Amino acid sequence: MTKPMLHLMSGKIASGKSTLAKSLASERSAILMSEDYWLSRIYPDQIQSVADYVRLARQIRALVGPLVIDVLKAGVTVVLDFPANTPEDRQWLRGLADAAEIPHCFHYIEVDDETCRGRLHRRNGRAEHEFTASDAEFDLITSYFRAPDTNEGIRIEIHRF
């Protein structure tokens, strides 16, 4: 049996985090947990602003964090499609791996803003994602994004596509 691992996603909106997360989960026979999925099911139609997202995402984290640790301790690899887009986010996410005493990998999808914005427009037009974001919301959320850095004491794998 292979040792479980926690796979984490970092990248701007529409960079391909969810697509990569699904692929990793399939390749590794892992459990996939998606923040957007949980938020859309538990709080349907309640996210109308970035402030709503931040408040409700904190509630989801309080629920999902202990579950992730338990699943990892049970020997199952987890792909967590929760944004690891700030040092604070990454510290919380790494803490889950540390609590379960298993290794982690932050998958950083390095894509420029215009590519992400184009993907976002196509995704919004096809209504293929739980949430849509306007250009203004993209700009606001992207302003908080900080690329992961090995100085944070984390393992990073960079993807470009």
Protein backbone atom coordinates (compact mmCIF):
# COMPACT_ATOMS: atom_id res chain seq x y z
CA MET A 1 0.00 0.00 0.00
CA THR A 2 1.33 3.44 -0.91
CA LYS A 3 1.68 6.09 1.73
CA PRO A 4 -1.13 8.66 1.63
CA MET A 5 -0.40 12.22 0.54
CA LEU A 6 -2.28 15.50 0.62
CA HIS A 7 -2.37 17.24 -2.77
CA LEU A 8 -3.21 20.96 -2.69
CA MET A 9 -4.04 23.47 -5.43
CA SER A 10 -2.67 26.97 -5.96
CA GLY A 11 -3.47 29.24 -8.88
CA LYS A 12 -5.59 32.16 -9.98
CA ILE A 13 -9.28 31.89 -10.85
CA ALA A 14 -9.76 29.75 -13.99
CA SER A 15 -6.11 28.69 -14.06
CA GLY A 16 -7.13 25.03 -14.14
CA LYS A 17 -7.02 24.05 -10.46
CA SER A 18 -10.24 22.02 -10.51
CA THR A 19 -9.31 20.29 -13.75
CA LEU A 20 -5.91 19.33 -12.36
CA ALA A 21 -7.46 18.25 -9.05
CA LYS A 22 -9.85 15.88 -10.84
CA SER A 23 -7.01 14.43 -12.89
CA LEU A 24 -4.79 13.92 -9.83
CA ALA A 25 -7.62 12.24 -7.92
CA SER A 26 -8.28 9.88 -10.81
CA GLU A 27 -4.60 9.05 -11.37
CA ARG A 28 -3.94 8.40 -7.69
CA SER A 29 -7.25 6.75 -6.75
CA ALA A 30 -7.65 9.55 -4.23
CA ILE A 31 -10.58 11.25 -2.56
CA LEU A 32 -11.32 14.64 -4.13
CA MET A 33 -12.82 17.36 -1.96
CA SER A 34 -13.76 20.66 -3.60
CA GLU A 35 -14.46 23.88 -1.75
CA ASP A 36 -16.69 25.17 -4.56
CA TYR A 37 -18.74 21.96 -4.52
CA TRP A 38 -19.26 22.10 -0.74
CA LEU A 39 -20.06 25.83 -0.77
CA SER A 40 -22.58 25.50 -3.61
CA ARG A 41 -24.37 22.59 -1.91
CA ILE A 42 -24.39 23.80 1.69
CA TYR A 43 -24.93 27.51 0.95
CA PRO A 44 -26.84 27.65 -2.35
CA ASP A 45 -27.39 31.20 -3.59
CA GLN A 46 -25.80 32.69 -0.45
CA ILE A 47 -22.54 33.87 -2.00
CA GLN A 48 -23.22 37.27 -3.49
CA SER A 49 -19.89 38.95 -2.68
CA VAL A 50 -16.28 38.21 -1.87
CA ALA A 51 -17.10 38.91 1.80
CA ASP A 52 -19.81 36.22 1.68
CA TYR A 53 -17.31 33.78 0.19
CA VAL A 54 -14.68 34.49 2.86
CA ARG A 55 -17.19 34.07 5.70
CA LEU A 56 -18.72 30.85 4.36
CA ALA A 57 -15.39 29.36 3.27
CA ARG A 58 -14.18 29.67 6.86
CA GLN A 59 -17.20 27.67 7.98
CA ILE A 60 -16.50 24.99 5.38
CA ARG A 61 -12.88 24.78 6.50
CA ALA A 62 -13.96 24.18 10.10
CA LEU A 63 -16.04 21.24 8.86
CA VAL A 64 -13.68 19.80 6.24
CA GLY A 65 -10.36 20.17 8.07
CA PRO A 66 -10.95 17.43 10.67
CA LEU A 67 -12.48 15.18 7.98
CA VAL A 68 -9.38 15.53 5.78
CA ILE A 69 -7.11 14.65 8.69
CA ASP A 70 -9.19 11.56 9.52
CA VAL A 71 -9.21 10.37 5.89
CA LEU A 72 -5.45 10.85 5.60
CA LYS A 73 -4.85 9.01 8.89
CA ALA A 74 -6.97 6.17 7.52
CA GLY A 75 -4.38 5.79 4.76
CA VAL A 76 -6.24 7.46 1.89
CA THR A 77 -4.67 10.08 -0.38
CA VAL A 78 -6.67 13.31 -0.59
CA VAL A 79 -6.75 15.93 -3.33
CA LEU A 80 -8.06 19.10 -1.78
CA ASP A 81 -9.41 21.56 -4.34
CA PHE A 82 -9.37 24.47 -1.93
CA PRO A 83 -7.44 27.58 -2.97
CA ALA A 84 -3.93 27.70 -1.54
CA ASN A 85 -3.45 31.22 -2.81
CA THR A 86 -2.04 33.10 0.16
CA PRO A 87 0.64 32.17 2.70
CA GLU A 88 -2.11 32.00 5.35
CA ASP A 89 -4.17 29.57 3.24
CA ARG A 90 -1.12 27.41 2.66
CA GLN A 91 -0.22 27.40 6.35
CA TRP A 92 -3.71 26.10 7.22
CA LEU A 93 -3.61 23.49 4.45
CA ARG A 94 -0.11 22.30 5.33
CA GLY A 95 -1.29 22.03 8.93
CA LEU A 96 -3.76 19.35 7.82
CA ALA A 97 -0.93 17.24 6.40
CA ASP A 98 1.20 17.87 9.47
CA ALA A 99 -1.66 16.87 11.80
CA ALA A 100 -2.07 13.61 9.86
CA GLU A 101 1.71 13.14 9.76
CA ILE A 102 1.78 12.62 6.01
CA PRO A 103 3.56 14.42 3.15
CA HIS A 104 1.99 17.18 1.08
CA CYS A 105 2.42 18.71 -2.37
CA PHE A 106 1.22 22.13 -3.47
CA HIS A 107 0.42 22.02 -7.18
CA TYR A 108 0.94 25.57 -8.43
CA ILE A 109 -0.61 26.33 -11.79
CA GLU A 110 1.37 29.21 -13.25
CA VAL A 111 -0.81 31.00 -15.80
CA ASP A 112 -0.93 34.69 -16.74
CA ASP A 113 -3.96 36.87 -15.97
CA GLU A 114 -5.17 37.23 -19.54
CA THR A 115 -5.21 33.47 -20.14
CA CYS A 116 -7.15 33.00 -16.89
CA ARG A 117 -9.56 35.80 -17.78
CA GLY A 118 -10.24 34.20 -21.19
CA ARG A 119 -10.84 30.82 -19.57
CA LEU A 120 -13.13 32.47 -17.01
CA HIS A 121 -15.24 34.09 -19.75
CA ARG A 122 -15.58 30.74 -21.56
CA ARG A 123 -16.40 28.93 -18.30
CA ASN A 124 -19.00 31.55 -17.36
CA GLY A 125 -20.54 31.32 -20.82
CA ARG A 126 -20.87 27.54 -20.60
CA ALA A 127 -22.15 27.62 -16.99
CA GLU A 128 -19.86 24.66 -16.27
CA HIS A 129 -18.73 25.77 -12.82
CA GLU A 130 -20.57 26.17 -9.52
CA PHE A 131 -19.79 29.90 -9.45
CA THR A 132 -19.28 32.65 -11.97
CA ALA A 133 -17.00 35.63 -11.48
CA SER A 134 -17.04 39.01 -13.19
CA ASP A 135 -13.91 40.75 -14.43
CA ALA A 136 -14.06 43.03 -11.38
CA GLU A 137 -14.27 40.02 -9.05
CA PHE A 138 -11.40 38.37 -10.92
CA ASP A 139 -9.29 41.50 -10.44
CA LEU A 140 -10.20 41.80 -6.76
CA ILE A 141 -9.54 38.16 -5.92
CA THR A 142 -6.35 38.09 -8.01
CA SER A 143 -5.04 41.09 -6.07
CA TYR A 144 -4.81 38.82 -3.00
CA PHE A 145 -3.04 35.99 -4.84
CA ARG A 146 0.54 35.23 -3.80
CA ALA A 147 2.45 32.49 -5.60
CA PRO A 148 3.73 29.75 -3.31
CA ASP A 149 7.36 29.92 -2.29
CA THR A 150 9.63 27.18 -0.95
CA ASN A 151 10.65 29.63 1.81
CA GLU A 152 7.24 28.79 3.31
CA GLY A 153 8.58 25.30 4.04
CA ILE A 154 6.31 23.62 1.50
CA ARG A 155 6.80 21.20 -1.37
CA ILE A 156 5.74 22.79 -4.67
CA GLU A 157 5.18 21.27 -8.10
CA ILE A 158 4.72 23.84 -10.88
CA HIS A 159 2.32 23.21 -13.77
CA ARG A 160 2.05 25.35 -16.89
CA PHE A 161 -0.82 24.73 -19.31
